[in-house]
Amino acid sequence: MEEFTATVDWLKPDIVGVTESWGNDDISDSEFNLPGFSVFRADRGNGHRGGGVLLLVNNIKKYNECCRSNT
């Protein structure tokens, strides 16, 4: 995670997309948190290996969460 955080800090992106986050209900949002970014996630679900996506949006940018589906 340190290398990922350092890379994001160096590149200074507005949006970061991550695939294969392996997130599930047992992992809190804070474990995916990067300072200065809002985290949006879609986990694959418990009982499955792999999958899941994260979208990290720089807090400096204005955004609206327009659609959210749990499908």
N, C-alpha and C. Protein backbone atom coordinates (compact mmCIF):
# COMPACT_ATOMS: atom_id res chain seq x y z
N MET A 1 0.82 -1.19 0.00
CA MET A 1 0.00 0.00 0.00
C MET A 1 0.87 1.26 0.00
N GLU A 2 2.05 1.19 0.61
CA GLU A 2 2.93 2.35 0.65
C GLU A 2 3.36 2.77 -0.75
N GLU A 3 3.69 1.81 -1.60
CA GLU A 3 4.10 2.11 -2.97
C GLU A 3 2.95 2.72 -3.76
N PHE A 4 1.74 2.19 -3.57
CA PHE A 4 0.55 2.72 -4.24
C PHE A 4 0.31 4.17 -3.81
N THR A 5 0.36 4.43 -2.50
CA THR A 5 0.16 5.78 -1.97
C THR A 5 1.23 6.73 -2.50
N ALA A 6 2.48 6.29 -2.54
CA ALA A 6 3.56 7.13 -3.04
C ALA A 6 3.37 7.45 -4.52
N THR A 7 2.92 6.48 -5.30
CA THR A 7 2.69 6.69 -6.73
C THR A 7 1.56 7.70 -6.95
N VAL A 8 0.48 7.56 -6.22
CA VAL A 8 -0.63 8.50 -6.33
C VAL A 8 -0.18 9.89 -5.92
N ASP A 9 0.60 10.00 -4.86
CA ASP A 9 1.12 11.29 -4.40
C ASP A 9 2.00 11.93 -5.46
N TRP A 10 2.81 11.14 -6.14
CA TRP A 10 3.73 11.64 -7.17
C TRP A 10 2.98 12.07 -8.43
N LEU A 11 1.99 11.25 -8.86
CA LEU A 11 1.24 11.55 -10.09
C LEU A 11 0.18 12.64 -9.90
N LYS A 12 -0.34 12.76 -8.69
CA LYS A 12 -1.38 13.74 -8.36
C LYS A 12 -2.60 13.65 -9.31
N PRO A 13 -3.18 12.47 -9.44
CA PRO A 13 -4.34 12.31 -10.33
C PRO A 13 -5.61 12.87 -9.70
N ASP A 14 -6.60 13.16 -10.55
CA ASP A 14 -7.92 13.57 -10.07
C ASP A 14 -8.76 12.35 -9.71
N ILE A 15 -8.58 11.27 -10.48
CA ILE A 15 -9.36 10.04 -10.29
C ILE A 15 -8.43 8.84 -10.41
N VAL A 16 -8.61 7.87 -9.52
CA VAL A 16 -7.85 6.63 -9.56
C VAL A 16 -8.85 5.48 -9.60
N GLY A 17 -8.70 4.58 -10.57
CA GLY A 17 -9.53 3.38 -10.64
C GLY A 17 -8.69 2.16 -10.30
N VAL A 18 -9.24 1.27 -9.51
CA VAL A 18 -8.53 0.06 -9.09
C VAL A 18 -9.43 -1.14 -9.36
N THR A 19 -8.89 -2.12 -10.07
CA THR A 19 -9.62 -3.38 -10.26
C THR A 19 -9.01 -4.45 -9.36
N GLU A 20 -9.76 -5.51 -9.15
CA GLU A 20 -9.32 -6.62 -8.30
C GLU A 20 -8.96 -6.14 -6.89
N SER A 21 -9.85 -5.34 -6.30
CA SER A 21 -9.61 -4.83 -4.94
C SER A 21 -9.76 -5.92 -3.89
N TRP A 22 -10.46 -6.97 -4.22
CA TRP A 22 -10.74 -8.07 -3.30
C TRP A 22 -11.49 -7.60 -2.06
N GLY A 23 -12.20 -6.50 -2.18
CA GLY A 23 -12.98 -5.99 -1.06
C GLY A 23 -14.16 -6.89 -0.72
N ASN A 24 -14.56 -6.86 0.54
CA ASN A 24 -15.76 -7.58 0.96
C ASN A 24 -16.32 -6.88 2.20
N ASP A 25 -17.39 -7.39 2.73
CA ASP A 25 -18.05 -6.76 3.88
C ASP A 25 -17.18 -6.68 5.13
N ASP A 26 -16.14 -7.50 5.20
CA ASP A 26 -15.26 -7.52 6.37
C ASP A 26 -14.19 -6.42 6.31
N ILE A 27 -14.07 -5.73 5.18
CA ILE A 27 -13.06 -4.70 5.00
C ILE A 27 -13.75 -3.34 4.99
N SER A 28 -13.35 -2.46 5.91
CA SER A 28 -13.98 -1.15 5.99
C SER A 28 -13.42 -0.20 4.93
N ASP A 29 -14.19 0.85 4.63
CA ASP A 29 -13.75 1.86 3.67
C ASP A 29 -12.41 2.46 4.07
N SER A 30 -12.17 2.59 5.37
CA SER A 30 -10.93 3.22 5.84
C SER A 30 -9.68 2.46 5.40
N GLU A 31 -9.81 1.17 5.16
CA GLU A 31 -8.65 0.38 4.72
C GLU A 31 -8.28 0.68 3.27
N PHE A 32 -9.22 1.25 2.51
CA PHE A 32 -8.95 1.64 1.13
C PHE A 32 -8.70 3.14 1.01
N ASN A 33 -8.75 3.84 2.12
CA ASN A 33 -8.69 5.29 2.10
C ASN A 33 -7.31 5.82 1.72
N LEU A 34 -7.31 6.86 0.90
CA LEU A 34 -6.10 7.63 0.62
C LEU A 34 -6.37 9.05 1.07
N PRO A 35 -5.44 9.68 1.78
CA PRO A 35 -5.67 11.05 2.22
C PRO A 35 -5.99 11.97 1.04
N GLY A 36 -7.05 12.76 1.18
CA GLY A 36 -7.43 13.71 0.14
C GLY A 36 -8.35 13.14 -0.93
N PHE A 37 -8.77 11.88 -0.78
CA PHE A 37 -9.63 11.23 -1.77
C PHE A 37 -10.89 10.67 -1.13
N SER A 38 -11.99 10.71 -1.88
CA SER A 38 -13.22 10.02 -1.49
C SER A 38 -13.20 8.65 -2.15
N VAL A 39 -13.68 7.64 -1.44
CA VAL A 39 -13.64 6.26 -1.92
C VAL A 39 -15.04 5.79 -2.30
N PHE A 40 -15.16 5.26 -3.49
CA PHE A 40 -16.38 4.59 -3.95
C PHE A 40 -15.98 3.17 -4.31
N ARG A 41 -16.75 2.22 -3.84
CA ARG A 41 -16.36 0.83 -4.06
C ARG A 41 -17.53 -0.04 -4.44
N ALA A 42 -17.22 -1.08 -5.17
CA ALA A 42 -18.19 -2.12 -5.52
C ALA A 42 -17.48 -3.45 -5.31
N ASP A 43 -17.82 -4.11 -4.22
CA ASP A 43 -17.19 -5.39 -3.88
C ASP A 43 -17.83 -6.52 -4.66
N ARG A 44 -17.07 -7.56 -4.89
CA ARG A 44 -17.60 -8.74 -5.57
C ARG A 44 -18.54 -9.50 -4.65
N GLY A 45 -18.28 -9.48 -3.38
CA GLY A 45 -19.15 -10.16 -2.43
C GLY A 45 -18.44 -11.24 -1.66
N ASN A 46 -18.99 -11.58 -0.51
CA ASN A 46 -18.42 -12.63 0.32
C ASN A 46 -18.57 -13.97 -0.37
N GLY A 47 -17.61 -14.83 -0.13
CA GLY A 47 -17.65 -16.16 -0.71
C GLY A 47 -17.02 -16.24 -2.08
N HIS A 48 -16.54 -15.12 -2.60
CA HIS A 48 -15.89 -15.11 -3.91
C HIS A 48 -14.45 -14.63 -3.74
N ARG A 49 -13.56 -15.22 -4.50
CA ARG A 49 -12.17 -14.74 -4.51
C ARG A 49 -12.02 -13.73 -5.63
N GLY A 50 -11.24 -12.70 -5.36
CA GLY A 50 -10.94 -11.71 -6.39
C GLY A 50 -12.11 -10.78 -6.63
N GLY A 51 -12.00 -10.03 -7.71
CA GLY A 51 -13.04 -9.10 -8.09
C GLY A 51 -13.05 -7.85 -7.25
N GLY A 52 -14.02 -7.02 -7.50
CA GLY A 52 -14.18 -5.76 -6.79
C GLY A 52 -13.46 -4.63 -7.49
N VAL A 53 -14.05 -3.44 -7.41
CA VAL A 53 -13.44 -2.25 -7.99
C VAL A 53 -13.52 -1.09 -7.00
N LEU A 54 -12.58 -0.17 -7.13
CA LEU A 54 -12.54 1.05 -6.32
C LEU A 54 -12.42 2.23 -7.26
N LEU A 55 -13.04 3.32 -6.89
CA LEU A 55 -12.85 4.58 -7.57
C LEU A 55 -12.52 5.60 -6.49
N LEU A 56 -11.37 6.21 -6.60
CA LEU A 56 -10.93 7.23 -5.65
C LEU A 56 -10.95 8.57 -6.38
N VAL A 57 -11.69 9.55 -5.83
CA VAL A 57 -11.84 10.86 -6.46
C VAL A 57 -11.22 11.91 -5.55
N ASN A 58 -10.33 12.71 -6.13
CA ASN A 58 -9.67 13.77 -5.39
C ASN A 58 -10.71 14.70 -4.79
N ASN A 59 -10.59 15.00 -3.50
CA ASN A 59 -11.57 15.85 -2.82
C ASN A 59 -11.59 17.28 -3.32
N ILE A 60 -10.55 17.71 -4.04
CA ILE A 60 -10.51 19.06 -4.60
C ILE A 60 -11.54 19.19 -5.73
N LYS A 61 -11.82 18.10 -6.41
CA LYS A 61 -12.76 18.10 -7.53
C LYS A 61 -14.19 17.99 -7.01
N LYS A 62 -15.09 18.71 -7.67
CA LYS A 62 -16.51 18.59 -7.34
C LYS A 62 -17.07 17.41 -8.12
N TYR A 63 -17.88 16.62 -7.46
CA TYR A 63 -18.49 15.46 -8.11
C TYR A 63 -19.87 15.23 -7.51
N ASN A 64 -20.69 14.53 -8.26
CA ASN A 64 -22.00 14.11 -7.81
C ASN A 64 -22.11 12.61 -8.03
N GLU A 65 -22.55 11.92 -7.02
CA GLU A 65 -22.82 10.50 -7.15
C GLU A 65 -24.23 10.37 -7.68
N CYS A 66 -24.35 10.09 -8.97
CA CYS A 66 -25.67 10.15 -9.60
C CYS A 66 -26.40 8.82 -9.61
N CYS A 67 -25.67 7.74 -9.70
CA CYS A 67 -26.32 6.43 -9.78
C CYS A 67 -25.55 5.44 -8.92
N ARG A 68 -26.27 4.64 -8.20
CA ARG A 68 -25.62 3.61 -7.42
C ARG A 68 -26.48 2.36 -7.47
N SER A 69 -25.87 1.29 -7.90
CA SER A 69 -26.59 0.03 -8.02
C SER A 69 -25.83 -1.05 -7.28
N ASN A 70 -26.53 -1.89 -6.56
CA ASN A 70 -25.90 -2.99 -5.85
C ASN A 70 -26.00 -4.29 -6.62
N THR A 71 -26.13 -4.20 -7.92
CA THR A 71 -26.22 -5.41 -8.74
C THR A 71 -24.88 -5.88 -9.19
